[in-house]
C-alpha atoms as a PDB file:
ATOM      1  CA  MET A   1      43.788 -17.591  18.711  1.00  0.00           C
ATOM      2  CA  SER A   2      40.426 -15.889  19.222  1.00  0.00           C
ATOM      3  CA  ASP A   3      39.360 -13.932  22.050  1.00  0.00           C
ATOM      4  CA  LYS A   4      37.748 -17.218  23.453  1.00  0.00           C
ATOM      5  CA  ASP A   5      41.206 -18.936  23.465  1.00  0.00           C
ATOM      6  CA  VAL A   6      42.859 -15.849  25.222  1.00  0.00           C
ATOM      7  CA  GLU A   7      40.464 -15.867  27.904  1.00  0.00           C
ATOM      8  CA  ALA A   8      41.127 -19.905  28.277  1.00  0.00           C
ATOM      9  CA  LEU A   9      44.850 -19.395  28.542  1.00  0.00           C
ATOM     10  CA  LEU A  10      44.474 -16.279  31.009  1.00  0.00           C
ATOM     11  CA  ARG A  11      42.497 -18.969  33.140  1.00  0.00           C
ATOM     12  CA  GLU A  12      45.120 -21.609  32.902  1.00  0.00           C
ATOM     13  CA  THR A  13      47.935 -19.285  33.434  1.00  0.00           C
ATOM     14  CA  GLY A  14      46.050 -18.166  36.557  1.00  0.00           C
ATOM     15  CA  ALA A  15      45.326 -21.225  37.813  1.00  0.00           C
ATOM     16  CA  TYR A  16      49.024 -22.483  37.122  1.00  0.00           C
ATOM     17  CA  LEU A  17      50.171 -19.523  39.250  1.00  0.00           C
ATOM     18  CA  LYS A  18      47.847 -19.668  42.021  1.00  0.00           C
ATOM     19  CA  ALA A  19      48.641 -23.641  42.399  1.00  0.00           C
ATOM     20  CA  HIS A  20      52.678 -23.332  42.083  1.00  0.00           C
ATOM     21  CA  SER A  21      52.991 -19.637  43.674  1.00  0.00           C
ATOM     22  CA  GLU A  22      51.173 -21.331  46.989  1.00  0.00           C
ATOM     23  CA  GLU A  23      53.151 -23.982  46.984  1.00  0.00           C
ATOM     24  CA  ALA A  24      56.403 -22.578  46.423  1.00  0.00           C
ATOM     25  CA  ILE A  25      55.765 -20.184  49.194  1.00  0.00           C
ATOM     26  CA  ARG A  26      54.969 -22.652  51.590  1.00  0.00           C
ATOM     27  CA  GLU A  27      58.037 -24.843  50.659  1.00  0.00           C
ATOM     28  CA  LEU A  28      60.604 -22.239  50.542  1.00  0.00           C
ATOM     29  CA  GLY A  29      59.016 -19.310  52.316  1.00  0.00           C
ATOM     30  CA  VAL A  30      60.389 -17.024  49.416  1.00  0.00           C
ATOM     31  CA  ILE A  31      58.731 -15.550  45.991  1.00  0.00           C
ATOM     32  CA  VAL A  32      61.176 -15.527  43.133  1.00  0.00           C
ATOM     33  CA  SER A  33      61.488 -12.212  41.625  1.00  0.00           C
ATOM     34  CA  PRO A  34      61.324 -11.526  37.742  1.00  0.00           C
ATOM     35  CA  GLY A  35      64.496  -9.257  38.131  1.00  0.00           C
ATOM     36  CA  LEU A  36      66.656 -12.420  39.091  1.00  0.00           C
ATOM     37  CA  VAL A  37      69.737 -13.104  36.652  1.00  0.00           C
ATOM     38  CA  GLY A  38      69.702 -16.414  34.885  1.00  0.00           C
ATOM     39  CA  VAL A  39      67.047 -18.289  33.569  1.00  0.00           C
ATOM     40  CA  PRO A  40      63.816 -17.465  35.163  1.00  0.00           C
ATOM     41  CA  SER A  41      61.607 -20.168  36.704  1.00  0.00           C
ATOM     42  CA  ARG A  42      58.461 -21.745  34.768  1.00  0.00           C
ATOM     43  CA  LEU A  43      56.342 -19.686  37.491  1.00  0.00           C
ATOM     44  CA  VAL A  44      58.047 -15.864  36.750  1.00  0.00           C
ATOM     45  CA  LEU A  45      57.293 -16.735  32.941  1.00  0.00           C
ATOM     46  CA  VAL A  46      53.912 -17.816  33.474  1.00  0.00           C
ATOM     47  CA  ALA A  47      53.172 -14.661  35.288  1.00  0.00           C
ATOM     48  CA  GLU A  48      54.997 -12.448  32.737  1.00  0.00           C
ATOM     49  CA  LEU A  49      52.699 -14.241  30.242  1.00  0.00           C
ATOM     50  CA  LYS A  50      49.514 -13.653  32.206  1.00  0.00           C
ATOM     51  CA  GLY A  51      50.530  -9.927  32.655  1.00  0.00           C
ATOM     52  CA  LEU A  52      51.087  -9.449  28.967  1.00  0.00           C
ATOM     53  CA  LEU A  53      47.808 -11.496  28.109  1.00  0.00           C
ATOM     54  CA  GLY A  54      45.770  -8.937  30.388  1.00  0.00           C
ATOM     55  CA  ARG A  55      47.395  -6.113  28.452  1.00  0.00           C
ATOM     56  CA  TYR A  56      46.321  -7.416  25.566  1.00  0.00           C
ATOM     57  CA  GLN A  57      42.494  -7.986  26.534  1.00  0.00           C
ATOM     58  CA  ASN A  58      42.862  -4.231  27.688  1.00  0.00           C
ATOM     59  CA  GLY A  59      43.827  -3.364  24.297  1.00  0.00           C
ATOM     60  CA  VAL A  60      46.972  -1.742  25.679  1.00  0.00           C
ATOM     61  CA  ALA A  61      49.838  -4.374  24.247  1.00  0.00           C
ATOM     62  CA  SER A  62      52.537  -2.961  21.865  1.00  0.00           C
ATOM     63  CA  GLY A  63      54.074  -5.069  19.121  1.00  0.00           C
ATOM     64  CA  ALA A  64      56.891  -6.044  21.074  1.00  0.00           C
ATOM     65  CA  GLU A  65      54.596  -7.417  23.944  1.00  0.00           C
ATOM     66  CA  LEU A  66      52.831  -9.306  21.228  1.00  0.00           C
ATOM     67  CA  ARG A  67      55.741 -10.824  20.209  1.00  0.00           C
ATOM     68  CA  ARG A  68      57.154 -11.454  23.753  1.00  0.00           C
ATOM     69  CA  ILE A  69      53.743 -13.519  24.271  1.00  0.00           C
ATOM     70  CA  ALA A  70      54.983 -15.766  21.185  1.00  0.00           C
ATOM     71  CA  GLU A  71      58.262 -16.101  22.699  1.00  0.00           C
ATOM     72  CA  LEU A  72      56.987 -16.918  26.134  1.00  0.00           C
ATOM     73  CA  LEU A  73      54.558 -19.378  24.646  1.00  0.00           C
ATOM     74  CA  GLU A  74      56.873 -21.182  22.472  1.00  0.00           C
ATOM     75  CA  PHE A  75      59.490 -21.246  25.660  1.00  0.00           C
ATOM     76  CA  LEU A  76      56.821 -22.669  27.951  1.00  0.00           C
ATOM     77  CA  HIS A  77      56.322 -25.345  25.053  1.00  0.00           C
ATOM     78  CA  GLU A  78      52.978 -24.121  24.489  1.00  0.00           C
ATOM     79  CA  GLY A  79      53.209 -24.386  20.787  1.00  0.00           C
ATOM     80  CA  ARG A  80      49.365 -23.893  20.414  1.00  0.00           C
ATOM     81  CA  GLY A  81      48.758 -20.423  19.312  1.00  0.00           C
ATOM     82  CA  ALA A  82      52.278 -19.125  19.276  1.00  0.00           C
ATOM     83  CA  GLN A  83      52.425 -18.520  15.326  1.00  0.00           C
ATOM     84  CA  ALA A  84      49.086 -16.459  16.087  1.00  0.00           C
ATOM     85  CA  TRP A  85      50.942 -14.079  18.467  1.00  0.00           C
ATOM     86  CA  TRP A  86      53.879 -13.667  15.706  1.00  0.00           C
ATOM     87  CA  GLN A  87      51.703 -12.786  13.191  1.00  0.00           C
ATOM     88  CA  ARG A  88      49.609 -10.471  15.518  1.00  0.00           C
ATOM     89  CA  ALA A  89      53.105  -8.679  16.447  1.00  0.00           C
ATOM     90  CA  ALA A  90      54.073  -8.279  12.789  1.00  0.00           C
ATOM     91  CA  ARG A  91      50.667  -6.610  12.043  1.00  0.00           C
ATOM     92  CA  ALA A  92      51.186  -4.486  15.248  1.00  0.00           C
ATOM     93  CA  GLY A  93      54.685  -3.342  13.382  1.00  0.00           C
ATOM     94  CA  ASP A  94      57.177  -5.181  15.688  1.00  0.00           C
ATOM     95  CA  ALA A  95      60.199  -5.397  13.371  1.00  0.00           C
ATOM     96  CA  LEU A  96      61.688  -8.390  14.740  1.00  0.00           C
ATOM     97  CA  ALA A  97      58.235 -10.496  14.437  1.00  0.00           C
ATOM     98  CA  ILE A  98      58.223  -9.275  10.741  1.00  0.00           C
ATOM     99  CA  MET A  99      62.014 -10.397  10.366  1.00  0.00           C
ATOM    100  CA  MET A 100      60.988 -13.712  12.022  1.00  0.00           C
ATOM    101  CA  LEU A 101      58.182 -14.211   9.584  1.00  0.00           C
ATOM    102  CA  ASP A 102      59.782 -13.389   6.350  1.00  0.00           C
ATOM    103  CA  GLU A 103      62.650 -15.911   7.091  1.00  0.00           C
ATOM    104  CA  ASP A 104      60.196 -18.804   7.381  1.00  0.00           C
ATOM    105  CA  PRO A 105      59.075 -19.513   3.668  1.00  0.00           C
ATOM    106  CA  LYS A 106      56.039 -21.053   4.842  1.00  0.00           C
ATOM    107  CA  GLY A 107      54.671 -18.250   7.099  1.00  0.00           C
ATOM    108  CA  GLU A 108      55.197 -20.474   9.969  1.00  0.00           C
ATOM    109  CA  LYS A 109      57.535 -20.000  13.051  1.00  0.00           C
END
């Protein structure tokens, strides 16, 4: 995934957050906290993804954060690019990403 693709993904996640958070606030009058127990809403996951992508763009994302981007993309059924994030996390030394890539004989997650 190129820097241009990252920027496009950031724009998409930002637009999704804006559209859905405003709608949720109007309808429910509440904001879902990422600290809630259970399966987080798509909105919370997209917000987390946006924050992590911002850290990546600023050059401060850790290997674990790069792995989390891959996990979030897979969980959100956004398969495009997830493999590149697994590989970035492995290159950054994230042990779990390295293990996950080593388990796949084709090098694909």
